[in-house]
Amino acid sequence: MTWLVTGGAGYIGAHVVRAFTEQGIDVVVLDDLSSGHAGFVPEGVPFVRGSILDRELVLSALRHHAVTGVVHVAGFKYAGVSVERPLHTYAQNVTGTLVLLDAMAELEITRMVFSSSAAVYGTPDTDLVTEATAKNPQSPYGESKLIGEWLLRDLEVAAGLRHTSLRYFNVVGSGYPDVYDTSPHNLFPLVFDALLAGRTPRINGNDYPTSDGTCVRDYIHVSDLALSHVAAARRLDSNADIEHVYNLGSGNGVSVGEIMAAVRSVTGIEFTPEVTARRPGDPARIVASGDLAARDLDWRMRHTLVEMVDSAWRARSDAKLSNEAG
């Protein structure tokens, strides 16, 4: 039993890879390193450098490593940028998924865990998002993820694909000192990079109808998320019943203001965030129920907010020191 992890050299993918290997499951990584890092791939794990758009490369990797299932994490993940680059987003996330599924179908590989997103919901009109909440993506990125889910369902009918899609919310933290979030758009790296450069972190709006006026979001630790990918793969391998989609949510929200307070506590750096204007389209609150995933995928919040911030800060600051020394 060998699982291919596309995007396995990225922040989330690398945690998934390590969760698999720690539970004795063989994995192989396929990544074009457009946003990933070869150094995130553990020693001894086969690494194929290339794009999921390259059908022959995908076929070769699947055949050569006798792959029996795929965790599909690769993709263009920047919702805001996707508005400016819709064709690139669709090529990476829709065409890339289609190419991967086509190669899997040719080789009769019938198991997939798909990295989806809370972006499929857009701005929900409910305080607690469930899997049944209406889908209303408001960016090409969110649309591309929803289309990916449709492709999996269509291939289930056409070729017997067994699959599940995991809808992520805000993934933070680090499970390893050498793997950290390098996104130029996510809150934690933006805050940490500002502090490490001697700048003041920013908050986009503090006049929302929330307890402290800042946006409330669902933050989950990347290691908890990775473990649920393993649980999903095991259910697929054992032919156990599995839902088509699961929200990986906490059921509780954390405000941006609370995150800033946790960052001050963890880093020991005193600062007062600069408040800028709201970003267009930012809802006051998005929080999801993880009840279905808790039932089936061993999903639970194993880390407090302070632990999430602390693990992320240690990995990011250690990386900066290492890069400066190098």
Protein backbone atom coordinates (compact mmCIF):
# COMPACT_ATOMS: atom_id res chain seq x y z
CA MET A 1 0.00 0.00 0.00
CA THR A 2 1.59 3.27 -1.19
CA TRP A 3 -0.06 6.67 -1.24
CA LEU A 4 0.99 9.51 -3.52
CA VAL A 5 0.83 12.95 -1.89
CA THR A 6 0.65 15.70 -4.50
CA GLY A 7 1.96 18.96 -3.12
CA GLY A 8 3.81 16.94 -0.49
CA ALA A 9 6.68 19.42 -0.32
CA GLY A 10 4.37 22.22 0.83
CA TYR A 11 3.47 23.29 4.34
CA ILE A 12 0.31 21.20 4.65
CA GLY A 13 1.44 18.42 2.33
CA ALA A 14 4.68 17.88 4.23
CA HIS A 15 2.76 17.42 7.47
CA VAL A 16 0.49 14.90 5.73
CA VAL A 17 3.53 13.00 4.42
CA ARG A 18 5.07 12.78 7.88
CA ALA A 19 1.80 11.70 9.46
CA PHE A 20 1.61 8.83 6.96
CA THR A 21 5.21 7.73 7.47
CA GLU A 22 4.88 7.89 11.27
CA GLN A 23 1.98 5.44 11.00
CA GLY A 24 3.97 3.07 8.80
CA ILE A 25 2.28 3.88 5.49
CA ASP A 26 4.52 4.22 2.44
CA VAL A 27 4.25 7.50 0.57
CA VAL A 28 5.74 9.19 -2.48
CA VAL A 29 5.70 12.94 -3.08
CA LEU A 30 4.92 14.75 -6.34
CA ASP A 31 5.53 18.50 -6.24
CA ASP A 32 6.70 21.15 -8.72
CA LEU A 33 8.17 23.29 -5.90
CA SER A 34 6.26 26.36 -7.09
CA SER A 35 5.44 27.02 -3.44
CA GLY A 36 6.89 23.94 -1.74
CA HIS A 37 10.41 23.19 -0.53
CA ALA A 38 12.41 20.04 -1.23
CA GLY A 39 13.80 20.28 2.29
CA PHE A 40 10.33 19.70 3.72
CA VAL A 41 10.28 16.15 2.28
CA PRO A 42 11.64 13.68 4.86
CA GLU A 43 14.77 11.74 4.04
CA GLY A 44 13.95 8.37 2.52
CA VAL A 45 10.60 9.43 1.04
CA PRO A 46 10.68 9.22 -2.80
CA PHE A 47 10.31 12.66 -4.36
CA VAL A 48 9.18 13.26 -7.94
CA ARG A 49 9.66 16.86 -9.00
CA GLY A 50 7.09 17.97 -11.54
CA SER A 51 3.60 19.25 -12.21
CA ILE A 52 0.29 17.43 -11.98
CA LEU A 53 -0.39 18.97 -15.40
CA ASP A 54 2.27 16.66 -16.87
CA ARG A 55 0.20 13.54 -17.54
CA GLU A 56 3.14 11.33 -18.55
CA LEU A 57 5.05 12.26 -15.42
CA VAL A 58 2.00 11.56 -13.27
CA LEU A 59 1.47 8.20 -14.96
CA SER A 60 5.13 7.31 -14.52
CA ALA A 61 5.09 8.20 -10.81
CA LEU A 62 1.91 6.21 -10.19
CA ARG A 63 3.23 3.16 -12.04
CA HIS A 64 6.82 3.19 -10.80
CA HIS A 65 5.84 3.46 -7.15
CA ALA A 66 2.85 1.08 -7.39
CA VAL A 67 0.55 3.73 -5.94
CA THR A 68 -2.76 2.51 -4.53
CA GLY A 69 -4.24 5.85 -3.41
CA VAL A 70 -3.72 9.60 -3.77
CA VAL A 71 -3.90 12.47 -1.31
CA HIS A 72 -4.33 15.47 -3.59
CA VAL A 73 -3.01 18.57 -1.85
CA ALA A 74 -1.29 20.30 -4.81
CA GLY A 75 -2.89 23.45 -6.13
CA PHE A 76 -2.86 27.23 -6.37
CA LYS A 77 -4.16 28.22 -2.96
CA TYR A 78 -4.35 32.01 -2.91
CA ALA A 79 -8.01 33.06 -3.00
CA GLY A 80 -7.33 36.78 -3.31
CA VAL A 81 -4.75 36.38 -6.05
CA SER A 82 -7.04 33.98 -7.91
CA VAL A 83 -9.34 36.92 -8.70
CA GLU A 84 -6.45 38.50 -10.60
CA ARG A 85 -5.26 35.20 -12.13
CA PRO A 86 -8.40 33.15 -12.76
CA LEU A 87 -7.08 31.22 -15.77
CA HIS A 88 -3.92 30.19 -13.92
CA THR A 89 -6.05 29.12 -10.94
CA TYR A 90 -8.34 26.98 -13.08
CA ALA A 91 -5.40 25.44 -14.95
CA GLN A 92 -3.68 24.40 -11.72
CA ASN A 93 -6.72 23.38 -9.70
CA VAL A 94 -9.22 22.11 -12.25
CA THR A 95 -7.14 20.95 -15.22
CA GLY A 96 -4.49 19.59 -12.86
CA THR A 97 -7.07 17.58 -10.92
CA LEU A 98 -8.59 16.32 -14.19
CA VAL A 99 -5.18 15.15 -15.45
CA LEU A 100 -4.47 13.40 -12.16
CA LEU A 101 -7.86 11.67 -12.11
CA ASP A 102 -7.47 10.61 -15.73
CA ALA A 103 -4.11 9.00 -14.97
CA MET A 104 -5.57 7.28 -11.91
CA ALA A 105 -8.48 5.95 -13.96
CA GLU A 106 -6.12 4.54 -16.60
CA LEU A 107 -4.25 2.62 -13.91
CA GLU A 108 -7.44 1.70 -12.02
CA ILE A 109 -6.40 3.53 -8.84
CA THR A 110 -9.68 4.12 -7.04
CA ARG A 111 -8.90 5.96 -3.79
CA MET A 112 -8.51 9.71 -3.30
CA VAL A 113 -8.45 12.12 -0.38
CA PHE A 114 -8.95 15.62 -1.81
CA SER A 115 -7.76 18.86 -0.27
CA SER A 116 -10.79 21.13 -0.57
CA SER A 117 -11.47 24.43 1.17
CA ALA A 118 -13.87 26.48 3.26
CA ALA A 119 -13.77 28.86 0.29
CA VAL A 120 -16.51 26.74 -1.32
CA TYR A 121 -18.97 28.35 1.14
CA GLY A 122 -18.11 31.96 0.29
CA THR A 123 -19.75 34.18 2.91
CA PRO A 124 -22.23 31.88 4.68
CA ASP A 125 -25.34 33.30 6.33
CA THR A 126 -25.05 31.04 9.36
CA ASP A 127 -23.06 31.21 12.59
CA LEU A 128 -21.98 27.57 12.31
CA VAL A 129 -21.07 26.08 8.93
CA THR A 130 -21.93 22.42 8.32
CA GLU A 131 -21.34 20.25 5.28
CA ALA A 132 -24.93 21.01 4.23
CA THR A 133 -24.43 24.78 4.26
CA ALA A 134 -25.07 26.31 0.83
CA LYS A 135 -22.04 26.51 -1.41
CA ASN A 136 -21.47 30.01 -2.80
CA PRO A 137 -17.78 30.44 -3.68
CA GLN A 138 -16.77 34.04 -4.25
CA SER A 139 -13.38 33.59 -5.89
CA PRO A 140 -11.97 31.49 -8.72
CA TYR A 141 -10.06 29.57 -6.04
CA GLY A 142 -13.25 28.60 -4.19
CA GLU A 143 -14.96 27.76 -7.47
CA SER A 144 -12.04 25.57 -8.55
CA LYS A 145 -12.20 23.59 -5.31
CA LEU A 146 -15.92 23.01 -5.69
CA ILE A 147 -15.39 21.86 -9.27
CA GLY A 148 -12.72 19.47 -7.98
CA GLU A 149 -15.30 17.92 -5.65
CA TRP A 150 -17.71 17.54 -8.59
CA LEU A 151 -15.03 15.80 -10.66
CA LEU A 152 -14.49 13.24 -7.91
CA ARG A 153 -18.21 12.52 -7.66
CA ASP A 154 -18.51 12.14 -11.43
CA LEU A 155 -15.60 9.69 -11.51
CA GLU A 156 -17.21 7.72 -8.68
CA VAL A 157 -20.14 7.09 -11.02
CA ALA A 158 -18.01 6.49 -14.09
CA ALA A 159 -15.14 4.44 -12.67
CA GLY A 160 -15.91 3.49 -9.06
CA LEU A 161 -13.64 6.07 -7.44
CA ARG A 162 -13.80 5.98 -3.63
CA HIS A 163 -13.10 9.45 -2.32
CA THR A 164 -13.61 12.12 0.27
CA SER A 165 -13.00 15.87 0.24
CA LEU A 166 -11.70 17.60 3.37
CA ARG A 167 -12.73 21.23 3.58
CA TYR A 168 -10.04 23.16 5.45
CA PHE A 169 -10.54 26.39 7.29
CA ASN A 170 -7.54 28.36 8.63
CA VAL A 171 -4.59 26.00 9.01
CA VAL A 172 -1.84 27.17 11.36
CA GLY A 173 0.93 25.93 13.63
CA SER A 174 3.76 23.52 13.01
CA GLY A 175 4.39 19.93 14.02
CA TYR A 176 8.11 19.99 13.20
CA PRO A 177 10.82 22.63 13.65
CA ASP A 178 11.84 22.39 9.99
CA VAL A 179 8.37 22.77 8.42
CA TYR A 180 6.52 26.06 8.55
CA ASP A 181 4.00 28.17 6.64
CA THR A 182 5.76 30.22 3.96
CA SER A 183 2.63 31.70 2.36
CA PRO A 184 2.89 35.44 1.67
CA HIS A 185 -0.87 35.79 2.25
CA ASN A 186 -1.69 33.90 5.49
CA LEU A 187 -2.15 35.70 8.81
CA PHE A 188 0.45 33.90 10.94
CA PRO A 189 3.42 34.30 8.57
CA LEU A 190 2.41 37.91 7.85
CA VAL A 191 2.39 38.72 11.58
CA PHE A 192 5.62 36.85 12.28
CA ASP A 193 7.48 38.34 9.33
CA ALA A 194 6.42 41.83 10.42
CA LEU A 195 7.71 41.24 13.96
CA LEU A 196 10.97 39.68 12.77
CA ALA A 197 11.53 42.70 10.51
CA GLY A 198 10.71 45.18 13.27
CA ARG A 199 7.39 46.23 11.74
CA THR A 200 3.98 46.48 13.38
CA PRO A 201 1.45 43.79 12.40
CA ARG A 202 -1.83 44.94 10.90
CA ILE A 203 -5.48 44.17 11.54
CA ASN A 204 -7.96 44.67 8.70
CA GLY A 205 -10.86 46.31 10.46
CA ASN A 206 -11.87 46.42 14.14
CA ASP A 207 -15.50 47.48 13.82
CA TYR A 208 -17.14 44.10 13.15
CA PRO A 209 -20.10 42.91 15.28
CA THR A 210 -17.89 40.57 17.33
CA SER A 211 -16.73 40.58 20.94
CA ASP A 212 -13.64 42.70 20.22
CA GLY A 213 -14.56 44.15 16.83
CA THR A 214 -12.17 41.95 14.85
CA CYS A 215 -13.03 39.08 12.51
CA VAL A 216 -13.66 35.66 14.02
CA ARG A 217 -12.31 32.64 12.17
CA ASP A 218 -11.78 28.91 12.64
CA TYR A 219 -8.10 28.13 13.28
CA ILE A 220 -6.92 24.51 13.30
CA HIS A 221 -3.49 23.00 13.87
CA VAL A 222 -1.84 21.50 10.82
CA SER A 223 -0.81 18.33 12.66
CA ASP A 224 -4.41 17.64 13.67
CA LEU A 225 -5.45 18.10 10.06
CA ALA A 226 -2.71 15.74 8.84
CA LEU A 227 -3.86 12.96 11.15
CA SER A 228 -7.37 13.12 9.70
CA HIS A 229 -5.91 12.61 6.22
CA VAL A 230 -4.40 9.35 7.45
CA ALA A 231 -7.71 8.34 9.02
CA ALA A 232 -9.51 9.09 5.74
CA ALA A 233 -6.99 7.03 3.76
CA ARG A 234 -7.40 4.11 6.16
CA ARG A 235 -11.19 4.21 5.78
CA LEU A 236 -10.83 4.17 2.01
CA ASP A 237 -8.35 1.29 2.15
CA SER A 238 -10.63 -0.74 4.41
CA ASN A 239 -13.74 -0.03 2.31
CA ALA A 240 -15.43 1.48 5.35
CA ASP A 241 -18.30 3.89 4.85
CA ILE A 242 -17.09 7.45 4.29
CA GLU A 243 -18.80 10.76 3.57
CA HIS A 244 -18.10 12.64 0.35
CA VAL A 245 -17.13 15.77 2.30
CA TYR A 246 -16.00 16.69 5.81
CA ASN A 247 -15.41 20.06 7.43
CA LEU A 248 -12.25 20.18 9.50
CA GLY A 249 -13.47 22.88 11.84
CA SER A 250 -13.20 23.59 15.54
CA GLY A 251 -16.80 24.50 16.30
CA ASN A 252 -15.44 27.61 18.04
CA GLY A 253 -14.06 30.84 16.71
CA VAL A 254 -10.98 32.86 17.52
CA SER A 255 -10.81 36.56 16.77
CA VAL A 256 -7.86 38.25 15.11
CA GLY A 257 -7.53 40.35 18.25
CA GLU A 258 -7.20 37.20 20.37
CA ILE A 259 -4.52 35.93 18.02
CA MET A 260 -2.57 39.15 18.39
CA ALA A 261 -2.76 38.80 22.18
CA ALA A 262 -1.49 35.21 21.94
CA VAL A 263 1.35 36.34 19.67
CA ARG A 264 2.40 38.98 22.23
CA SER A 265 2.34 36.38 24.99
CA VAL A 266 4.32 33.77 23.05
CA THR A 267 6.95 36.06 21.50
CA GLY A 268 7.36 38.45 24.41
CA ILE A 269 7.26 41.29 21.89
CA GLU A 270 4.96 44.13 22.93
CA PHE A 271 3.06 45.77 20.09
CA THR A 272 -0.23 47.40 19.32
CA PRO A 273 -1.49 46.27 15.92
CA GLU A 274 -2.04 48.91 13.26
CA VAL A 275 -5.71 48.96 12.30
CA THR A 276 -6.42 49.39 8.61
CA ALA A 277 -9.66 49.40 6.63
CA ARG A 278 -11.78 46.30 6.27
CA ARG A 279 -11.02 44.10 3.29
CA PRO A 280 -13.96 43.96 0.88
CA GLY A 281 -16.06 40.83 1.36
CA ASP A 282 -14.59 39.79 4.71
CA PRO A 283 -17.43 38.34 6.82
CA ALA A 284 -17.48 39.03 10.54
CA ARG A 285 -17.47 35.37 11.51
CA ILE A 286 -16.89 31.98 9.87
CA VAL A 287 -16.84 28.97 12.19
CA ALA A 288 -17.46 25.35 11.23
CA SER A 289 -18.73 22.23 12.92
CA GLY A 290 -16.31 19.30 12.79
CA ASP A 291 -18.82 16.77 14.14
CA LEU A 292 -18.85 14.48 11.10
CA ALA A 293 -15.05 14.39 10.94
CA ALA A 294 -14.90 13.71 14.68
CA ARG A 295 -17.21 10.74 14.16
CA ASP A 296 -15.29 9.21 11.25
CA LEU A 297 -11.79 10.67 10.97
CA ASP A 298 -10.47 10.94 14.54
CA TRP A 299 -10.80 14.71 14.15
CA ARG A 300 -10.33 16.78 17.29
CA MET A 301 -8.59 19.91 18.43
CA ARG A 302 -5.47 18.65 20.16
CA HIS A 303 -3.83 22.10 20.47
CA THR A 304 -4.78 25.32 22.24
CA LEU A 305 -4.45 28.69 20.52
CA VAL A 306 -1.26 29.42 22.47
CA GLU A 307 0.20 26.08 21.39
CA MET A 308 -0.68 26.81 17.76
CA VAL A 309 1.00 30.21 17.91
CA ASP A 310 4.01 28.90 19.85
CA SER A 311 4.71 26.03 17.43
CA ALA A 312 4.35 28.31 14.41
CA TRP A 313 6.55 31.02 15.92
CA ARG A 314 9.32 28.61 16.90
CA ALA A 315 9.47 27.04 13.45
CA ARG A 316 9.37 30.38 11.64
CA SER A 317 11.93 32.15 13.85
CA ASP A 318 14.26 29.11 13.80
CA ALA A 319 14.06 29.10 10.00
CA LYS A 320 14.98 32.79 9.88
CA LEU A 321 17.99 32.22 12.13
CA SER A 322 19.04 29.22 10.04
CA ASN A 323 18.76 31.20 6.81
CA GLU A 324 20.76 34.08 8.25
CA ALA A 325 23.47 31.67 9.46
CA GLY A 326 23.56 29.98 6.06
